[in-house]
């Protein structure tokens, strides 16, 4: 994908909606119904379209190696550890043990 450093202006509606210029929609393969990840950055708001092209690039990133735990098991362990960390953080903030 050939990205350019071209600028354009947009406006926000009263609902906070914005129209992305057609040249950017074409460049980033944004179609009707395309979702985007929205992030706050030091420079402002960053929109990352989640397009078919982006999904195809990421396909296979979660493939398991032979002998690895199933993803569901690893996810459960991750969530358990995350909960334990949150509980420990809460205990520290309230002074309870």
Protein backbone atom coordinates (compact mmCIF):
# COMPACT_ATOMS: atom_id res chain seq x y z
CA UNK A 1 0.00 0.00 0.00
CA UNK A 2 1.42 3.32 -1.03
CA UNK A 3 0.61 5.88 1.65
CA UNK A 4 1.06 9.55 0.97
CA UNK A 5 1.56 12.51 3.26
CA UNK A 6 -1.42 14.38 1.91
CA UNK A 7 -3.70 16.36 4.22
CA UNK A 8 -7.39 17.04 3.99
CA UNK A 9 -10.01 18.53 6.29
CA UNK A 10 -13.12 16.91 7.70
CA UNK A 11 -15.88 18.08 10.02
CA UNK A 12 -17.71 16.44 12.87
CA UNK A 13 -21.49 16.17 13.04
CA UNK A 14 -23.39 16.82 16.26
CA UNK A 15 -23.22 13.05 16.84
CA UNK A 16 -19.42 13.04 16.50
CA UNK A 17 -19.51 11.37 13.10
CA UNK A 18 -16.94 12.29 10.48
CA UNK A 19 -16.77 11.61 6.74
CA UNK A 20 -13.45 10.17 5.58
CA UNK A 21 -12.48 11.66 2.19
CA UNK A 22 -12.93 9.31 -0.75
CA UNK A 23 -9.22 9.28 -1.63
CA UNK A 24 -8.42 7.92 1.85
CA UNK A 25 -11.24 5.36 1.70
CA UNK A 26 -9.83 4.08 -1.60
CA UNK A 27 -6.23 4.13 -0.39
CA UNK A 28 -7.05 2.14 2.77
CA UNK A 29 -9.72 -0.08 1.15
CA UNK A 30 -12.48 1.18 3.46
CA UNK A 31 -15.92 -0.04 2.40
CA UNK A 32 -19.38 0.42 3.87
CA UNK A 33 -19.53 -1.28 7.26
CA UNK A 34 -15.74 -1.24 7.81
CA UNK A 35 -14.89 -0.96 11.49
CA UNK A 36 -11.94 0.96 12.90
CA UNK A 37 -9.87 0.95 16.06
CA UNK A 38 -9.82 4.42 17.64
CA UNK A 39 -6.89 5.42 19.86
CA UNK A 40 -5.86 8.57 21.68
CA UNK A 41 -2.26 9.48 20.89
CA UNK A 42 -0.05 12.42 21.86
CA UNK A 43 -0.68 13.81 18.34
CA UNK A 44 -4.46 13.40 18.42
CA UNK A 45 -6.99 10.75 17.41
CA UNK A 46 -5.73 7.75 15.44
CA UNK A 47 -8.19 5.71 13.34
CA UNK A 48 -7.02 2.29 12.16
CA UNK A 49 -9.47 0.69 9.73
CA UNK A 50 -9.99 -3.02 10.21
CA UNK A 51 -10.33 -4.07 6.58
CA UNK A 52 -10.26 -7.42 4.82
CA UNK A 53 -6.70 -6.58 3.79
CA UNK A 54 -5.62 -5.98 7.41
CA UNK A 55 -7.34 -9.17 8.58
CA UNK A 56 -5.65 -11.22 5.85
CA UNK A 57 -2.24 -9.86 6.93
CA UNK A 58 -2.88 -11.00 10.51
CA UNK A 59 -4.35 -14.38 9.62
CA UNK A 60 -2.46 -17.17 11.32
CA UNK A 61 -0.95 -15.01 14.05
CA UNK A 62 -2.60 -17.19 16.74
CA UNK A 63 -1.66 -20.54 15.24
CA UNK A 64 -0.67 -23.07 17.88
CA UNK A 65 2.54 -25.07 17.78
CA UNK A 66 2.34 -28.84 18.27
CA UNK A 67 2.20 -29.58 22.01
CA UNK A 68 1.07 -26.04 22.98
CA UNK A 69 -1.89 -25.61 25.30
CA UNK A 70 -5.13 -24.87 23.50
CA UNK A 71 -5.77 -21.15 23.13
CA UNK A 72 -8.87 -21.37 25.35
CA UNK A 73 -6.76 -22.78 28.21
CA UNK A 74 -4.09 -20.11 27.81
CA UNK A 75 -6.80 -17.43 27.73
CA UNK A 76 -8.36 -18.77 30.96
CA UNK A 77 -4.94 -18.71 32.65
CA UNK A 78 -4.34 -15.17 31.41
CA UNK A 79 -7.74 -13.98 32.72
CA UNK A 80 -7.10 -15.69 36.10
CA UNK A 81 -3.72 -13.95 36.42
CA UNK A 82 -5.27 -10.65 35.36
CA UNK A 83 -7.97 -11.03 38.05
CA UNK A 84 -5.36 -11.86 40.71
CA UNK A 85 -3.37 -8.74 39.78
CA UNK A 86 -6.51 -6.58 39.96
CA UNK A 87 -7.41 -8.05 43.36
CA UNK A 88 -3.88 -7.45 44.66
CA UNK A 89 -3.98 -3.89 43.34
CA UNK A 90 -7.33 -3.30 45.05
CA UNK A 91 -6.03 -4.78 48.30
CA UNK A 92 -3.02 -2.44 48.20
CA UNK A 93 -5.19 0.59 47.49
CA UNK A 94 -7.60 -0.17 50.37
CA UNK A 95 -4.93 -1.34 52.80
CA UNK A 96 -6.61 -4.74 53.26
CA UNK A 97 -4.83 -8.03 52.90
